[in-house]
């Protein structure tokens, strides 16, 4: 098993520790929003270490939509490159933990449908897309 490398961002590290330390009973609302989140455990593309990131919970049936918004920043979050290199992930949704595989969604119709689900779950995503020139990557964990 690879070594867990906690995120250098304090709020990310704290959210993951609270969420996982409570077995998914605490810290299940993302940061200041209080909206439901999941923890995505994945492998670092450069380090090979275990990485964990809290993301807004966006469901599509039994699948999860992972939105790489980074608040509308000009660059993708690092986890995008990790998932592109290593699509095997573990998703913790409160007390449920599942091994899943991610795929990035590129086709326009698929993206439009998933983007609608994402914005319905967290309306700020629309504002984030307006803030940046990059097309915010979307992944589906199945």
Protein backbone atom coordinates (compact mmCIF):
# COMPACT_ATOMS: atom_id res chain seq x y z
CA UNK A 1 0.00 0.00 0.00
CA UNK A 2 1.33 3.43 -0.96
CA UNK A 3 1.88 6.12 1.66
CA UNK A 4 -0.92 8.62 2.31
CA UNK A 5 0.27 12.12 1.45
CA UNK A 6 -2.08 14.65 3.09
CA UNK A 7 -3.05 17.65 1.02
CA UNK A 8 -0.95 20.77 1.71
CA UNK A 9 -4.15 22.88 1.80
CA UNK A 10 -5.15 23.02 5.46
CA UNK A 11 -8.91 23.04 4.93
CA UNK A 12 -8.70 20.02 2.58
CA UNK A 13 -6.56 18.06 5.03
CA UNK A 14 -8.86 18.97 7.95
CA UNK A 15 -12.03 18.06 6.03
CA UNK A 16 -10.60 14.65 5.04
CA UNK A 17 -9.42 13.92 8.60
CA UNK A 18 -12.78 14.83 10.16
CA UNK A 19 -14.78 12.96 7.53
CA UNK A 20 -12.72 9.77 7.62
CA UNK A 21 -11.88 9.94 11.32
CA UNK A 22 -15.59 9.90 12.15
CA UNK A 23 -16.34 7.04 9.77
CA UNK A 24 -18.33 9.40 7.55
CA UNK A 25 -20.58 10.73 10.31
CA UNK A 26 -19.01 14.20 10.62
CA UNK A 27 -17.54 16.65 8.13
CA UNK A 28 -19.91 15.49 5.40
CA UNK A 29 -20.77 19.07 4.39
CA UNK A 30 -18.20 20.71 2.16
CA UNK A 31 -16.30 23.55 3.77
CA UNK A 32 -18.40 26.69 4.19
CA UNK A 33 -21.33 25.49 2.08
CA UNK A 34 -22.53 22.67 4.30
CA UNK A 35 -23.61 20.93 1.08
CA UNK A 36 -22.99 17.17 0.89
CA UNK A 37 -19.55 16.08 -0.16
CA UNK A 38 -17.65 12.89 -0.85
CA UNK A 39 -14.01 11.97 -0.36
CA UNK A 40 -12.19 10.77 -3.47
CA UNK A 41 -9.10 8.68 -2.74
CA UNK A 42 -6.75 8.29 -5.68
CA UNK A 43 -3.11 7.75 -6.63
CA UNK A 44 -0.77 10.67 -7.29
CA UNK A 45 0.49 10.67 -10.88
CA UNK A 46 3.97 11.89 -9.93
CA UNK A 47 4.44 10.62 -6.37
CA UNK A 48 2.49 7.37 -6.55
CA UNK A 49 1.24 8.28 -3.08
CA UNK A 50 -2.33 8.05 -1.84
CA UNK A 51 -4.17 11.35 -2.27
CA UNK A 52 -7.57 12.37 -0.91
CA UNK A 53 -9.80 15.26 -1.87
CA UNK A 54 -13.28 16.31 -0.73
CA UNK A 55 -15.58 17.12 -3.64
CA UNK A 56 -19.16 18.23 -3.91
CA UNK A 57 -21.49 15.22 -4.09
CA UNK A 58 -23.11 15.15 -7.52
CA UNK A 59 -24.97 11.93 -8.26
CA UNK A 60 -26.04 10.44 -11.56
CA UNK A 61 -27.91 7.32 -10.55
CA UNK A 62 -25.33 5.05 -8.89
CA UNK A 63 -22.46 7.06 -10.38
CA UNK A 64 -20.77 10.23 -9.16
CA UNK A 65 -19.90 13.28 -11.24
CA UNK A 66 -16.56 14.79 -10.26
CA UNK A 67 -16.33 18.48 -11.17
CA UNK A 68 -12.83 19.95 -11.46
CA UNK A 69 -13.89 23.55 -10.90
CA UNK A 70 -11.21 24.77 -8.47
CA UNK A 71 -13.47 27.77 -7.90
CA UNK A 72 -13.03 28.93 -11.49
CA UNK A 73 -9.24 29.15 -11.30
CA UNK A 74 -7.29 29.29 -14.57
CA UNK A 75 -5.56 25.96 -13.88
CA UNK A 76 -7.05 22.54 -13.22
CA UNK A 77 -6.80 21.08 -9.73
CA UNK A 78 -3.91 18.63 -9.45
CA UNK A 79 -6.28 15.72 -8.90
CA UNK A 80 -7.38 16.00 -12.57
CA UNK A 81 -3.95 14.81 -13.72
CA UNK A 82 -3.94 12.08 -11.09
CA UNK A 83 -7.28 10.71 -12.32
CA UNK A 84 -6.23 10.91 -15.95
CA UNK A 85 -3.14 8.84 -15.14
CA UNK A 86 -4.77 6.48 -12.61
CA UNK A 87 -8.53 6.03 -13.03
CA UNK A 88 -8.99 3.63 -10.09
CA UNK A 89 -10.49 5.52 -7.14
CA UNK A 90 -12.26 4.94 -3.88
CA UNK A 91 -15.30 7.07 -3.12
CA UNK A 92 -16.46 7.64 0.47
CA UNK A 93 -20.03 8.93 0.62
CA UNK A 94 -20.72 9.36 4.32
CA UNK A 95 -20.48 5.81 5.75
CA UNK A 96 -20.40 4.03 2.36
CA UNK A 97 -17.05 3.32 0.70
CA UNK A 98 -16.84 1.99 -2.87
CA UNK A 99 -14.03 1.17 -5.26
CA UNK A 100 -14.82 2.79 -8.59
CA UNK A 101 -13.30 3.65 -11.96
CA UNK A 102 -13.40 7.15 -13.41
CA UNK A 103 -13.59 8.32 -16.97
CA UNK A 104 -13.38 11.86 -18.24
CA UNK A 105 -16.39 13.02 -20.24
CA UNK A 106 -15.59 14.77 -23.51
CA UNK A 107 -18.67 14.41 -25.72
CA UNK A 108 -20.81 17.55 -25.81
CA UNK A 109 -24.17 15.86 -25.14
CA UNK A 110 -22.81 13.87 -22.20
CA UNK A 111 -21.06 16.92 -20.75
CA UNK A 112 -24.18 19.08 -21.10
CA UNK A 113 -26.33 16.54 -19.24
CA UNK A 114 -23.76 16.08 -16.45
CA UNK A 115 -23.09 19.82 -16.20
CA UNK A 116 -26.81 20.38 -15.64
CA UNK A 117 -26.74 17.86 -12.77
CA UNK A 118 -23.66 19.55 -11.31
CA UNK A 119 -25.15 23.05 -11.42
CA UNK A 120 -28.40 21.75 -9.90
CA UNK A 121 -26.37 20.32 -7.00
CA UNK A 122 -24.18 23.43 -6.63
CA UNK A 123 -25.28 26.53 -8.61
CA UNK A 124 -21.90 28.25 -8.10
CA UNK A 125 -20.41 25.93 -10.73
CA UNK A 126 -22.02 28.09 -13.43
CA UNK A 127 -20.27 31.17 -12.01
CA UNK A 128 -16.98 29.26 -11.79
CA UNK A 129 -17.20 28.34 -15.49
CA UNK A 130 -17.85 32.00 -16.36
CA UNK A 131 -14.71 32.99 -14.41
CA UNK A 132 -12.31 30.88 -16.43
CA UNK A 133 -11.37 30.31 -20.06
CA UNK A 134 -10.72 26.62 -19.46
CA UNK A 135 -13.49 24.08 -19.98
CA UNK A 136 -13.99 22.66 -16.49
CA UNK A 137 -13.22 18.92 -16.68
CA UNK A 138 -15.93 16.46 -15.69
CA UNK A 139 -15.34 12.86 -14.65
CA UNK A 140 -17.81 10.08 -13.95
CA UNK A 141 -16.98 7.54 -11.23
CA UNK A 142 -18.73 4.23 -11.94
